[in-house]
């Protein structure tokens, strides 16, 4: 299990955070992951093997909280 996936499980199971706080943390993870992918497409940093999987896990967590992930198609990169 990747670091991000472990972090997501910790966020979702943390009873001290309300859904709004969980959403805020997940949105930041999502933004970081998308930024990392964007920089990789611009040749700035290599893409890790798990980047796509991490983003999928973040998207699933967002849906679990009843929210849609941001549009991450080719146009957003």
N, C-alpha and C. Protein backbone atom coordinates (compact mmCIF):
# COMPACT_ATOMS: atom_id res chain seq x y z
N UNK A 1 0.85 -1.18 0.00
CA UNK A 1 0.00 0.00 0.00
C UNK A 1 0.89 1.24 0.00
N UNK A 2 0.57 2.18 -0.88
CA UNK A 2 1.39 3.38 -1.01
C UNK A 2 1.17 4.31 0.19
N UNK A 3 2.05 5.26 0.32
CA UNK A 3 1.96 6.25 1.39
C UNK A 3 0.64 7.02 1.31
N UNK A 4 0.25 7.42 0.11
CA UNK A 4 -0.99 8.17 -0.08
C UNK A 4 -2.19 7.32 0.31
N UNK A 5 -2.21 6.07 -0.08
CA UNK A 5 -3.34 5.20 0.25
C UNK A 5 -3.46 5.01 1.76
N UNK A 6 -2.31 4.87 2.44
CA UNK A 6 -2.35 4.76 3.90
C UNK A 6 -2.87 6.06 4.51
N UNK A 7 -2.46 7.18 3.95
CA UNK A 7 -2.91 8.48 4.43
C UNK A 7 -4.42 8.63 4.25
N UNK A 8 -4.93 8.18 3.12
CA UNK A 8 -6.37 8.25 2.86
C UNK A 8 -7.15 7.43 3.88
N UNK A 9 -6.69 6.22 4.15
CA UNK A 9 -7.36 5.36 5.13
C UNK A 9 -7.37 6.05 6.50
N UNK A 10 -6.25 6.65 6.86
CA UNK A 10 -6.15 7.35 8.14
C UNK A 10 -7.14 8.51 8.20
N UNK A 11 -7.24 9.26 7.11
CA UNK A 11 -8.17 10.40 7.05
C UNK A 11 -9.61 9.92 7.19
N UNK A 12 -9.98 8.93 6.39
CA UNK A 12 -11.37 8.47 6.38
C UNK A 12 -11.80 7.82 7.69
N UNK A 13 -10.88 7.23 8.40
CA UNK A 13 -11.23 6.54 9.65
C UNK A 13 -11.03 7.40 10.89
N UNK A 14 -10.56 8.63 10.69
CA UNK A 14 -10.31 9.53 11.82
C UNK A 14 -11.64 10.12 12.30
N UNK A 15 -12.10 9.68 13.46
CA UNK A 15 -13.38 10.15 14.00
C UNK A 15 -13.30 11.56 14.56
N UNK A 16 -12.09 12.09 14.72
CA UNK A 16 -11.93 13.45 15.23
C UNK A 16 -12.13 14.50 14.14
N UNK A 17 -12.11 14.07 12.87
CA UNK A 17 -12.32 14.99 11.75
C UNK A 17 -13.76 14.86 11.26
N UNK A 18 -14.41 16.01 11.03
CA UNK A 18 -15.74 15.94 10.43
C UNK A 18 -15.57 15.81 8.91
N UNK A 19 -16.67 15.56 8.21
CA UNK A 19 -16.59 15.33 6.76
C UNK A 19 -16.00 16.53 6.03
N UNK A 20 -16.28 17.74 6.49
CA UNK A 20 -15.73 18.93 5.87
C UNK A 20 -14.21 18.98 5.97
N UNK A 21 -13.68 18.61 7.12
CA UNK A 21 -12.24 18.58 7.31
C UNK A 21 -11.60 17.47 6.47
N UNK A 22 -12.26 16.33 6.41
CA UNK A 22 -11.76 15.23 5.59
C UNK A 22 -11.73 15.65 4.12
N UNK A 23 -12.80 16.32 3.69
CA UNK A 23 -12.88 16.79 2.32
C UNK A 23 -11.74 17.77 2.01
N UNK A 24 -11.48 18.67 2.93
CA UNK A 24 -10.42 19.66 2.75
C UNK A 24 -9.05 18.99 2.57
N UNK A 25 -8.76 18.00 3.38
CA UNK A 25 -7.48 17.30 3.28
C UNK A 25 -7.41 16.51 1.98
N UNK A 26 -8.49 15.84 1.62
CA UNK A 26 -8.52 15.06 0.38
C UNK A 26 -8.38 15.97 -0.84
N UNK A 27 -9.00 17.15 -0.81
CA UNK A 27 -8.87 18.09 -1.93
C UNK A 27 -7.41 18.56 -2.07
N UNK A 28 -6.73 18.74 -0.95
CA UNK A 28 -5.33 19.14 -1.02
C UNK A 28 -4.48 18.01 -1.61
N UNK A 29 -4.75 16.78 -1.19
CA UNK A 29 -4.04 15.63 -1.76
C UNK A 29 -4.29 15.53 -3.26
N UNK A 30 -5.54 15.78 -3.65
CA UNK A 30 -5.92 15.73 -5.05
C UNK A 30 -5.16 16.81 -5.84
N UNK A 31 -5.13 18.02 -5.31
CA UNK A 31 -4.43 19.11 -5.98
C UNK A 31 -2.93 18.81 -6.11
N UNK A 32 -2.35 18.27 -5.06
CA UNK A 32 -0.92 17.92 -5.09
C UNK A 32 -0.64 16.85 -6.13
N UNK A 33 -1.50 15.85 -6.18
CA UNK A 33 -1.32 14.75 -7.13
C UNK A 33 -1.47 15.24 -8.57
N UNK A 34 -2.48 16.08 -8.81
CA UNK A 34 -2.68 16.63 -10.16
C UNK A 34 -1.51 17.53 -10.56
N UNK A 35 -1.01 18.29 -9.61
CA UNK A 35 0.13 19.17 -9.89
C UNK A 35 1.37 18.35 -10.25
N UNK A 36 1.54 17.26 -9.54
CA UNK A 36 2.68 16.38 -9.81
C UNK A 36 2.58 15.77 -11.20
N UNK A 37 1.37 15.35 -11.58
CA UNK A 37 1.16 14.80 -12.92
C UNK A 37 1.39 15.86 -13.99
N UNK A 38 0.90 17.07 -13.73
CA UNK A 38 1.06 18.16 -14.68
C UNK A 38 2.54 18.49 -14.89
N UNK A 39 3.29 18.54 -13.81
CA UNK A 39 4.72 18.86 -13.95
C UNK A 39 5.46 17.75 -14.67
N UNK A 40 5.00 16.51 -14.49
CA UNK A 40 5.64 15.39 -15.19
C UNK A 40 5.39 15.48 -16.69
N UNK A 41 4.19 15.94 -17.08
CA UNK A 41 3.91 16.05 -18.51
C UNK A 41 4.71 17.19 -19.14
N UNK A 42 5.17 18.10 -18.31
CA UNK A 42 5.98 19.21 -18.80
C UNK A 42 7.47 18.90 -18.69
N UNK A 43 7.78 17.67 -18.28
CA UNK A 43 9.17 17.23 -18.21
C UNK A 43 9.93 17.71 -17.01
N UNK A 44 9.22 18.20 -16.00
CA UNK A 44 9.89 18.75 -14.83
C UNK A 44 10.31 17.68 -13.84
N UNK A 45 9.46 16.69 -13.63
CA UNK A 45 9.78 15.62 -12.69
C UNK A 45 9.31 14.30 -13.28
N UNK A 46 10.00 13.23 -12.98
CA UNK A 46 9.53 11.93 -13.48
C UNK A 46 8.26 11.51 -12.74
N UNK A 47 7.40 10.78 -13.43
CA UNK A 47 6.18 10.25 -12.84
C UNK A 47 6.52 8.98 -12.09
N UNK A 48 6.10 8.91 -10.83
CA UNK A 48 6.28 7.69 -10.05
C UNK A 48 5.32 6.64 -10.58
N UNK A 49 5.64 5.40 -10.37
CA UNK A 49 4.79 4.33 -10.85
C UNK A 49 3.41 4.31 -10.25
N UNK A 50 3.25 4.87 -9.03
CA UNK A 50 1.96 4.81 -8.34
C UNK A 50 1.14 6.08 -8.49
N UNK A 51 1.61 7.08 -9.21
CA UNK A 51 0.90 8.36 -9.28
C UNK A 51 -0.54 8.20 -9.74
N UNK A 52 -0.76 7.47 -10.80
CA UNK A 52 -2.12 7.27 -11.30
C UNK A 52 -2.98 6.51 -10.31
N UNK A 53 -2.41 5.54 -9.66
CA UNK A 53 -3.14 4.76 -8.67
C UNK A 53 -3.48 5.61 -7.46
N UNK A 54 -2.56 6.48 -7.05
CA UNK A 54 -2.84 7.36 -5.92
C UNK A 54 -3.99 8.29 -6.23
N UNK A 55 -3.99 8.85 -7.43
CA UNK A 55 -5.07 9.76 -7.82
C UNK A 55 -6.41 9.02 -7.85
N UNK A 56 -6.42 7.80 -8.33
CA UNK A 56 -7.65 6.99 -8.34
C UNK A 56 -8.15 6.76 -6.91
N UNK A 57 -7.22 6.49 -6.00
CA UNK A 57 -7.60 6.26 -4.61
C UNK A 57 -8.18 7.52 -3.98
N UNK A 58 -7.61 8.67 -4.31
CA UNK A 58 -8.12 9.95 -3.81
C UNK A 58 -9.52 10.19 -4.36
N UNK A 59 -9.71 9.92 -5.65
CA UNK A 59 -11.03 10.10 -6.27
C UNK A 59 -12.07 9.20 -5.61
N UNK A 60 -11.71 7.96 -5.33
CA UNK A 60 -12.64 7.04 -4.67
C UNK A 60 -13.01 7.55 -3.28
N UNK A 61 -12.03 8.08 -2.56
CA UNK A 61 -12.28 8.60 -1.22
C UNK A 61 -13.21 9.81 -1.28
N UNK A 62 -13.01 10.67 -2.27
CA UNK A 62 -13.90 11.83 -2.43
C UNK A 62 -15.33 11.37 -2.71
N UNK A 63 -15.48 10.40 -3.58
CA UNK A 63 -16.82 9.88 -3.89
C UNK A 63 -17.46 9.25 -2.65
N UNK A 64 -16.64 8.61 -1.84
CA UNK A 64 -17.14 7.98 -0.62
C UNK A 64 -17.75 9.03 0.32
N UNK A 65 -17.18 10.24 0.26
CA UNK A 65 -17.72 11.34 1.07
C UNK A 65 -18.85 12.08 0.36
N UNK A 66 -19.21 11.61 -0.85
CA UNK A 66 -20.31 12.21 -1.59
C UNK A 66 -19.92 13.37 -2.48
N UNK A 67 -18.64 13.46 -2.84
CA UNK A 67 -18.16 14.55 -3.68
C UNK A 67 -17.48 14.00 -4.93
N UNK A 68 -17.57 14.75 -6.01
CA UNK A 68 -16.92 14.35 -7.25
C UNK A 68 -15.51 14.92 -7.31
N UNK A 69 -14.58 14.17 -7.88
CA UNK A 69 -13.22 14.70 -8.07
C UNK A 69 -13.24 15.79 -9.14
N UNK A 70 -12.19 16.61 -9.14
CA UNK A 70 -12.10 17.63 -10.18
C UNK A 70 -11.86 16.93 -11.52
N UNK A 71 -12.26 17.59 -12.59
CA UNK A 71 -12.04 17.05 -13.93
C UNK A 71 -10.53 17.01 -14.18
N UNK A 72 -10.01 15.81 -14.45
CA UNK A 72 -8.57 15.65 -14.60
C UNK A 72 -8.21 15.11 -15.96
N UNK A 73 -8.98 15.45 -16.98
CA UNK A 73 -8.69 14.97 -18.32
C UNK A 73 -7.47 15.64 -18.91
N UNK A 74 -7.17 15.32 -20.14
CA UNK A 74 -5.99 15.85 -20.81
C UNK A 74 -6.00 17.38 -20.85
N UNK A 75 -7.19 17.98 -20.94
CA UNK A 75 -7.27 19.43 -20.96
C UNK A 75 -6.77 20.08 -19.69
N UNK A 76 -6.90 19.39 -18.56
CA UNK A 76 -6.47 19.98 -17.31
C UNK A 76 -4.97 19.84 -17.11
N UNK A 77 -4.34 18.94 -17.86
CA UNK A 77 -2.91 18.78 -17.74
C UNK A 77 -2.25 19.78 -18.65
